[in-house]
Amino acid sequence: MSSFHALFGESLDSIPQLLTRLCQTKSQTKIHPDLQEDLITTLLNLSINDSNKKLVAETPMVIPLLLDALRFGTIETRTNAVATLFTLSALDSNKSVIGKSGGLKPLIDLLEEGHPLAMIDVVSAIFNLCIQHENKARAVRDGAVRVLLNKIKNRVHVSELLPILAMLSSNQKAVEEMGDLGAVSYWTEKEDGEEYRGGGGSCRL
């Protein structure tokens, strides 16, 4: 199967031809869900092959289609789309392509939604993208700090989300937002149940 994926990627026209039918539909909301899911799944399978990652991401129609699938697809299609973005984001050049295409906002929205089928890949994709300095600023602008803090407060994937928050803390706007949202406040609880409040807010981390 991997040899087929590699062979498919050797033709520069193969991916545009695959996606032509999908791109002929002006509105993603009018695409048949099964067609959309099949094509996004195909992109995921092709992207798994390392030799295809650059070609897939740099095909002009691919990233916009993946982002539309994140916004409008079924949960299965959205899960495959985010898995594809995670796979593609392994390459530094692809991190830039995805970030410049507005890829962080729908990923952050999906993280906030918190569907269990998509959580691991969406967290991993955001982490990969935020390794790049320019994408940190984009993530902060697109609301990542608030979403991350809310998830951490609710004990959701804390060990996976804290490293992302740590990366974003190199951005001054992120630090200011963390302060505004009470990220440095804390609670401690004695064994008898009596609570003591520390810091300036009420976020239990």
Protein backbone atom coordinates (compact mmCIF):
# COMPACT_ATOMS: atom_id res chain seq x y z
CA MET A 1 0.00 0.00 0.00
CA SER A 2 2.82 2.42 0.84
CA SER A 3 4.33 1.85 -2.62
CA PHE A 4 0.99 2.81 -4.18
CA HIS A 5 0.92 6.01 -2.09
CA ALA A 6 4.42 6.88 -3.27
CA LEU A 7 3.56 6.11 -6.91
CA PHE A 8 0.43 8.27 -6.68
CA GLY A 9 2.50 11.20 -5.44
CA GLU A 10 4.99 10.99 -8.30
CA SER A 11 2.49 12.60 -10.66
CA LEU A 12 2.10 16.34 -10.11
CA ASP A 13 -1.39 16.21 -11.65
CA SER A 14 -2.75 13.31 -9.62
CA ILE A 15 -3.97 15.27 -6.60
CA PRO A 16 -5.58 18.12 -8.60
CA GLN A 17 -7.37 15.51 -10.74
CA LEU A 18 -8.55 13.73 -7.62
CA LEU A 19 -9.99 16.92 -6.16
CA THR A 20 -11.45 18.47 -9.30
CA ARG A 21 -14.98 17.19 -8.63
CA LEU A 22 -14.93 18.55 -5.10
CA CYS A 23 -13.56 21.92 -6.13
CA GLN A 24 -16.24 22.35 -8.81
CA THR A 25 -18.78 22.71 -6.03
CA LYS A 26 -18.72 26.32 -4.88
CA SER A 27 -20.20 25.70 -1.46
CA GLN A 28 -18.73 23.03 0.79
CA THR A 29 -22.12 22.69 2.45
CA LYS A 30 -23.53 21.32 -0.84
CA ILE A 31 -21.00 18.53 -1.23
CA HIS A 32 -22.34 15.07 -0.57
CA PRO A 33 -20.99 14.05 2.84
CA ASP A 34 -19.83 10.64 1.62
CA LEU A 35 -17.86 12.20 -1.26
CA GLN A 36 -16.26 14.74 1.01
CA GLU A 37 -15.30 12.09 3.57
CA ASP A 38 -13.85 9.77 0.91
CA LEU A 39 -11.68 12.49 -0.61
CA ILE A 40 -10.44 13.78 2.73
CA THR A 41 -9.64 10.21 3.78
CA THR A 42 -7.71 9.73 0.55
CA LEU A 43 -5.68 12.85 1.27
CA LEU A 44 -4.95 11.51 4.74
CA ASN A 45 -3.75 8.19 3.35
CA LEU A 46 -1.54 9.93 0.78
CA SER A 47 -0.11 12.28 3.40
CA ILE A 48 1.09 9.42 5.56
CA ASN A 49 3.84 8.77 3.01
CA ASP A 50 6.72 11.14 3.82
CA SER A 51 7.55 11.72 0.16
CA ASN A 52 4.02 13.05 -0.44
CA LYS A 53 3.74 15.53 2.44
CA LYS A 54 5.23 18.52 0.63
CA LEU A 55 3.36 17.83 -2.62
CA VAL A 56 0.01 17.43 -0.86
CA ALA A 57 0.35 20.59 1.25
CA GLU A 58 1.60 22.74 -1.62
CA THR A 59 -1.17 21.72 -4.00
CA PRO A 60 -3.16 24.99 -3.88
CA MET A 61 -6.61 23.49 -3.34
CA VAL A 62 -5.68 21.03 -0.58
CA ILE A 63 -5.36 23.15 2.58
CA PRO A 64 -8.52 25.19 1.84
CA LEU A 65 -10.43 21.93 1.31
CA LEU A 66 -9.15 20.52 4.59
CA LEU A 67 -10.13 23.69 6.45
CA ASP A 68 -13.59 23.67 4.88
CA ALA A 69 -13.94 20.05 5.94
CA LEU A 70 -13.06 21.08 9.50
CA ARG A 71 -15.84 23.67 9.45
CA PHE A 72 -18.60 21.89 7.56
CA GLY A 73 -17.90 18.15 7.49
CA THR A 74 -19.35 15.33 9.53
CA ILE A 75 -17.40 14.49 12.66
CA GLU A 76 -15.75 11.60 10.80
CA THR A 77 -14.68 13.92 7.99
CA ARG A 78 -13.49 16.57 10.45
CA THR A 79 -11.51 13.94 12.33
CA ASN A 80 -9.79 12.81 9.13
CA ALA A 81 -9.15 16.41 8.09
CA VAL A 82 -7.45 17.26 11.37
CA ALA A 83 -5.44 14.03 11.19
CA THR A 84 -4.29 15.06 7.72
CA LEU A 85 -3.24 18.50 8.95
CA PHE A 86 -1.36 16.89 11.82
CA THR A 87 0.43 14.55 9.43
CA LEU A 88 1.30 17.36 7.02
CA SER A 89 2.53 19.61 9.84
CA ALA A 90 5.47 17.29 10.45
CA LEU A 91 7.34 19.30 7.77
CA ASP A 92 8.52 22.79 8.72
CA SER A 93 7.61 24.18 5.31
CA ASN A 94 4.09 22.81 5.70
CA LYS A 95 3.73 24.46 9.11
CA SER A 96 4.10 27.79 7.35
CA VAL A 97 1.68 26.88 4.55
CA ILE A 98 -1.00 25.77 7.01
CA GLY A 99 -0.52 28.79 9.27
CA LYS A 100 -0.64 31.31 6.43
CA SER A 101 -3.79 29.63 5.11
CA GLY A 102 -5.64 30.31 8.38
CA GLY A 103 -5.41 26.75 9.65
CA LEU A 104 -5.13 27.51 13.34
CA LYS A 105 -8.55 29.08 13.88
CA PRO A 106 -10.66 26.06 12.84
CA LEU A 107 -8.31 23.78 14.79
CA ILE A 108 -8.74 25.91 17.91
CA ASP A 109 -12.52 25.94 17.35
CA LEU A 110 -12.51 22.14 17.13
CA LEU A 111 -10.41 21.94 20.30
CA GLU A 112 -12.94 24.14 22.08
CA GLU A 113 -15.79 21.94 20.84
CA GLY A 114 -13.96 19.00 22.36
CA HIS A 115 -15.31 16.08 20.37
CA PRO A 116 -13.52 13.01 21.74
CA LEU A 117 -12.87 11.49 18.31
CA ALA A 118 -10.82 14.49 17.23
CA MET A 119 -9.13 15.64 20.42
CA ILE A 120 -5.80 13.82 20.23
CA ASP A 121 -5.08 14.80 16.63
CA VAL A 122 -6.25 18.39 17.06
CA VAL A 123 -4.02 18.87 20.11
CA SER A 124 -1.10 17.31 18.23
CA ALA A 125 -1.69 19.46 15.15
CA ILE A 126 -1.83 22.68 17.18
CA PHE A 127 1.35 21.67 19.02
CA ASN A 128 3.20 20.99 15.76
CA LEU A 129 2.11 24.26 14.21
CA CYS A 130 2.98 26.33 17.26
CA ILE A 131 6.57 25.17 17.15
CA GLN A 132 6.95 27.81 14.45
CA HIS A 133 7.27 31.34 15.82
CA GLU A 134 4.86 32.97 13.37
CA ASN A 135 2.18 30.43 14.18
CA LYS A 136 2.42 31.18 17.89
CA ALA A 137 1.26 34.72 17.19
CA ARG A 138 -1.51 33.42 14.94
CA ALA A 139 -2.68 30.99 17.61
CA VAL A 140 -2.81 33.75 20.23
CA ARG A 141 -4.72 36.00 17.86
CA ASP A 142 -7.18 33.19 17.12
CA GLY A 143 -8.07 32.63 20.78
CA ALA A 144 -5.87 29.71 21.74
CA VAL A 145 -4.97 30.97 25.22
CA ARG A 146 -8.56 31.17 26.45
CA VAL A 147 -9.47 27.78 25.00
CA LEU A 148 -6.37 26.09 26.42
CA LEU A 149 -6.93 27.53 29.89
CA ASN A 150 -10.57 26.48 29.91
CA LYS A 151 -9.66 22.93 28.92
CA ILE A 152 -6.90 22.75 31.52
CA LYS A 153 -9.23 24.14 34.17
CA ASN A 154 -11.69 21.36 33.32
CA ARG A 155 -8.94 18.70 33.53
CA VAL A 156 -9.10 17.88 29.82
CA HIS A 157 -5.87 16.55 28.30
CA VAL A 158 -3.86 18.62 30.75
CA SER A 159 -0.52 16.94 30.08
CA GLU A 160 -0.90 17.52 26.32
CA LEU A 161 -2.19 21.11 26.55
CA LEU A 162 0.31 22.48 29.06
CA PRO A 163 3.25 22.19 26.61
CA ILE A 164 1.29 24.24 24.07
CA LEU A 165 0.56 26.89 26.69
CA ALA A 166 4.25 26.89 27.61
CA MET A 167 5.23 27.50 23.99
CA LEU A 168 2.75 30.34 23.66
CA SER A 169 4.15 31.97 26.80
CA SER A 170 7.09 33.22 24.72
CA ASN A 171 4.59 35.58 23.07
CA GLN A 172 4.02 38.78 25.04
CA LYS A 173 0.35 39.06 24.11
CA ALA A 174 -0.19 35.50 25.29
CA VAL A 175 1.42 36.31 28.63
CA GLU A 176 -0.80 39.37 29.03
CA GLU A 177 -3.89 37.35 28.19
CA MET A 178 -2.91 34.64 30.65
CA GLY A 179 -2.67 37.29 33.33
CA ASP A 180 -6.04 38.75 32.41
CA LEU A 181 -7.62 35.30 32.55
CA GLY A 182 -6.13 34.47 35.94
CA ALA A 183 -3.73 31.79 34.76
CA VAL A 184 -1.30 32.49 37.60
CA SER A 185 -3.92 32.23 40.31
CA TYR A 186 -4.44 29.00 42.16
CA TRP A 187 -6.43 27.19 44.81
CA THR A 188 -5.22 24.86 47.49
CA GLU A 189 -7.45 22.54 49.43
CA LYS A 190 -6.76 21.13 52.88
CA GLU A 191 -7.58 17.55 53.68
CA ASP A 192 -10.56 18.61 55.80
CA GLY A 193 -12.08 20.33 52.78
CA GLU A 194 -11.37 23.91 53.83
CA GLU A 195 -10.20 25.92 50.87
CA TYR A 196 -7.60 28.67 50.72
CA ARG A 197 -7.40 31.04 47.86
CA GLY A 198 -4.12 32.16 46.37
CA GLY A 199 -3.35 34.67 43.64
CA GLY A 200 -5.87 37.03 42.15
CA GLY A 201 -8.47 34.82 40.54
CA SER A 202 -10.53 31.72 40.85
CA CYS A 203 -9.04 29.35 38.28
CA ARG A 204 -8.45 25.93 39.76
CA LEU A 205 -5.50 24.44 37.87
